[in-house]
Amino acid sequence: MNNKIIGIVLVIAGIFLAIWGYNIYDSASSQFSRALSGDAPIEAWAGMAGGIICVLIGITKLK
């Protein structure tokens, strides 16, 4: 039962983290930065990648 609760929390946190990372990636300042230098902020990549990893770990805990 405890692993299922941890899995649910990880899935929910991962979804919010991925959405947060995408919002940073799609922000106006990020678009301006990408237009000038071609680089996306590291916070955006960390949020999206961390969110995906949390979701995957959470799904494995639910099984």
N, C-alpha and C. Protein backbone atom coordinates (compact mmCIF):
# COMPACT_ATOMS: atom_id res chain seq x y z
N MET A 1 0.82 -1.19 0.00
CA MET A 1 0.00 0.00 0.00
C MET A 1 0.86 1.25 0.00
N ASN A 2 1.97 1.22 0.73
CA ASN A 2 2.84 2.38 0.83
C ASN A 2 3.49 2.70 -0.52
N ASN A 3 3.87 1.66 -1.28
CA ASN A 3 4.48 1.89 -2.59
C ASN A 3 3.49 2.51 -3.56
N LYS A 4 2.23 2.17 -3.45
CA LYS A 4 1.22 2.75 -4.34
C LYS A 4 1.04 4.23 -4.07
N ILE A 5 1.06 4.63 -2.81
CA ILE A 5 0.93 6.04 -2.47
C ILE A 5 2.14 6.83 -3.00
N ILE A 6 3.32 6.27 -2.81
CA ILE A 6 4.53 6.92 -3.33
C ILE A 6 4.46 7.01 -4.85
N GLY A 7 3.98 5.97 -5.50
CA GLY A 7 3.85 5.98 -6.95
C GLY A 7 2.88 7.04 -7.44
N ILE A 8 1.75 7.17 -6.77
CA ILE A 8 0.77 8.19 -7.16
C ILE A 8 1.35 9.59 -6.98
N VAL A 9 2.04 9.80 -5.86
CA VAL A 9 2.65 11.12 -5.61
C VAL A 9 3.71 11.42 -6.67
N LEU A 10 4.51 10.43 -7.03
CA LEU A 10 5.54 10.64 -8.05
C LEU A 10 4.93 10.94 -9.42
N VAL A 11 3.86 10.26 -9.77
CA VAL A 11 3.22 10.52 -11.06
C VAL A 11 2.66 11.94 -11.09
N ILE A 12 1.97 12.33 -10.04
CA ILE A 12 1.37 13.68 -10.00
C ILE A 12 2.46 14.75 -9.99
N ALA A 13 3.49 14.56 -9.18
CA ALA A 13 4.59 15.53 -9.13
C ALA A 13 5.32 15.60 -10.47
N GLY A 14 5.50 14.46 -11.11
CA GLY A 14 6.16 14.43 -12.41
C GLY A 14 5.38 15.15 -13.48
N ILE A 15 4.06 15.02 -13.46
CA ILE A 15 3.22 15.72 -14.43
C ILE A 15 3.34 17.22 -14.24
N PHE A 16 3.25 17.67 -12.97
CA PHE A 16 3.37 19.10 -12.71
C PHE A 16 4.76 19.63 -13.05
N LEU A 17 5.79 18.84 -12.79
CA LEU A 17 7.16 19.24 -13.10
C LEU A 17 7.38 19.36 -14.60
N ALA A 18 6.84 18.42 -15.36
CA ALA A 18 6.96 18.49 -16.82
C ALA A 18 6.20 19.68 -17.38
N ILE A 19 5.03 19.97 -16.84
CA ILE A 19 4.27 21.14 -17.29
C ILE A 19 5.01 22.42 -16.96
N TRP A 20 5.60 22.49 -15.76
CA TRP A 20 6.37 23.66 -15.36
C TRP A 20 7.57 23.87 -16.29
N GLY A 21 8.27 22.79 -16.62
CA GLY A 21 9.40 22.89 -17.54
C GLY A 21 8.98 23.35 -18.91
N TYR A 22 7.85 22.86 -19.39
CA TYR A 22 7.37 23.29 -20.70
C TYR A 22 6.96 24.76 -20.69
N ASN A 23 6.35 25.20 -19.58
CA ASN A 23 5.99 26.61 -19.47
C ASN A 23 7.22 27.51 -19.52
N ILE A 24 8.29 27.10 -18.87
CA ILE A 24 9.53 27.87 -18.94
C ILE A 24 10.08 27.85 -20.36
N TYR A 25 10.04 26.69 -21.00
CA TYR A 25 10.55 26.55 -22.36
C TYR A 25 9.77 27.44 -23.33
N ASP A 26 8.48 27.61 -23.09
CA ASP A 26 7.61 28.33 -24.01
C ASP A 26 7.43 29.81 -23.62
N SER A 27 8.11 30.27 -22.58
CA SER A 27 7.93 31.65 -22.13
C SER A 27 8.53 32.63 -23.15
N ALA A 28 8.13 33.89 -23.04
CA ALA A 28 8.60 34.92 -23.98
C ALA A 28 10.10 35.14 -23.86
N SER A 29 10.61 35.16 -22.63
CA SER A 29 12.05 35.38 -22.47
C SER A 29 12.86 34.21 -23.02
N SER A 30 12.33 33.01 -22.88
CA SER A 30 13.01 31.84 -23.42
C SER A 30 13.00 31.86 -24.94
N GLN A 31 11.88 32.27 -25.53
CA GLN A 31 11.81 32.35 -26.99
C GLN A 31 12.78 33.40 -27.51
N PHE A 32 12.91 34.51 -26.81
CA PHE A 32 13.85 35.55 -27.20
C PHE A 32 15.28 35.04 -27.10
N SER A 33 15.58 34.34 -26.02
CA SER A 33 16.91 33.77 -25.82
C SER A 33 17.24 32.73 -26.89
N ARG A 34 16.25 31.89 -27.23
CA ARG A 34 16.48 30.89 -28.27
C ARG A 34 16.68 31.53 -29.63
N ALA A 35 15.99 32.65 -29.88
CA ALA A 35 16.14 33.33 -31.16
C ALA A 35 17.54 33.92 -31.30
N LEU A 36 18.11 34.42 -30.21
CA LEU A 36 19.42 35.04 -30.27
C LEU A 36 20.56 34.03 -30.20
N SER A 37 20.47 33.11 -29.25
CA SER A 37 21.60 32.20 -29.05
C SER A 37 21.32 30.76 -29.46
N GLY A 38 20.05 30.40 -29.57
CA GLY A 38 19.70 29.03 -29.95
C GLY A 38 19.65 28.07 -28.78
N ASP A 39 19.91 28.56 -27.57
CA ASP A 39 19.91 27.70 -26.38
C ASP A 39 18.64 27.89 -25.57
N ALA A 40 18.11 26.80 -25.09
CA ALA A 40 16.96 26.85 -24.18
C ALA A 40 17.48 26.88 -22.75
N PRO A 41 16.72 27.46 -21.82
CA PRO A 41 17.17 27.49 -20.42
C PRO A 41 17.30 26.08 -19.84
N ILE A 42 18.30 25.91 -19.01
CA ILE A 42 18.54 24.60 -18.40
C ILE A 42 17.39 24.21 -17.48
N GLU A 43 16.71 25.21 -16.89
CA GLU A 43 15.58 24.90 -16.01
C GLU A 43 14.46 24.22 -16.79
N ALA A 44 14.28 24.62 -18.04
CA ALA A 44 13.23 24.01 -18.86
C ALA A 44 13.55 22.54 -19.13
N TRP A 45 14.78 22.27 -19.53
CA TRP A 45 15.15 20.88 -19.80
C TRP A 45 15.14 20.04 -18.54
N ALA A 46 15.61 20.62 -17.43
CA ALA A 46 15.62 19.88 -16.16
C ALA A 46 14.19 19.57 -15.71
N GLY A 47 13.29 20.53 -15.87
CA GLY A 47 11.91 20.31 -15.47
C GLY A 47 11.23 19.23 -16.30
N MET A 48 11.41 19.32 -17.61
CA MET A 48 10.76 18.33 -18.48
C MET A 48 11.36 16.94 -18.29
N ALA A 49 12.68 16.85 -18.24
CA ALA A 49 13.32 15.54 -18.07
C ALA A 49 13.04 14.97 -16.69
N GLY A 50 13.12 15.82 -15.67
CA GLY A 50 12.83 15.36 -14.31
C GLY A 50 11.39 14.90 -14.16
N GLY A 51 10.48 15.60 -14.81
CA GLY A 51 9.08 15.21 -14.76
C GLY A 51 8.83 13.87 -15.41
N ILE A 52 9.46 13.64 -16.54
CA ILE A 52 9.30 12.36 -17.23
C ILE A 52 9.89 11.22 -16.39
N ILE A 53 11.03 11.47 -15.78
CA ILE A 53 11.65 10.45 -14.95
C ILE A 53 10.78 10.13 -13.74
N CYS A 54 10.22 11.18 -13.11
CA CYS A 54 9.33 10.95 -11.95
C CYS A 54 8.10 10.15 -12.35
N VAL A 55 7.52 10.47 -13.50
CA VAL A 55 6.34 9.74 -13.96
C VAL A 55 6.69 8.28 -14.21
N LEU A 56 7.81 8.01 -14.85
CA LEU A 56 8.21 6.63 -15.13
C LEU A 56 8.47 5.84 -13.85
N ILE A 57 9.15 6.45 -12.89
CA ILE A 57 9.39 5.77 -11.62
C ILE A 57 8.08 5.54 -10.88
N GLY A 58 7.18 6.54 -10.94
CA GLY A 58 5.88 6.39 -10.28
C GLY A 58 5.06 5.28 -10.89
N ILE A 59 5.11 5.14 -12.20
CA ILE A 59 4.36 4.06 -12.86
C ILE A 59 4.91 2.70 -12.46
N THR A 60 6.23 2.58 -12.34
CA THR A 60 6.80 1.29 -11.92
C THR A 60 6.42 0.97 -10.49
N LYS A 61 6.28 1.98 -9.64
CA LYS A 61 5.87 1.74 -8.25
C LYS A 61 4.41 1.30 -8.16
N LEU A 62 3.59 1.70 -9.12
CA LEU A 62 2.17 1.35 -9.10
C LEU A 62 1.92 -0.10 -9.50
N LYS A 63 2.85 -0.72 -10.19
CA LYS A 63 2.64 -2.09 -10.64
C LYS A 63 2.81 -3.08 -9.53
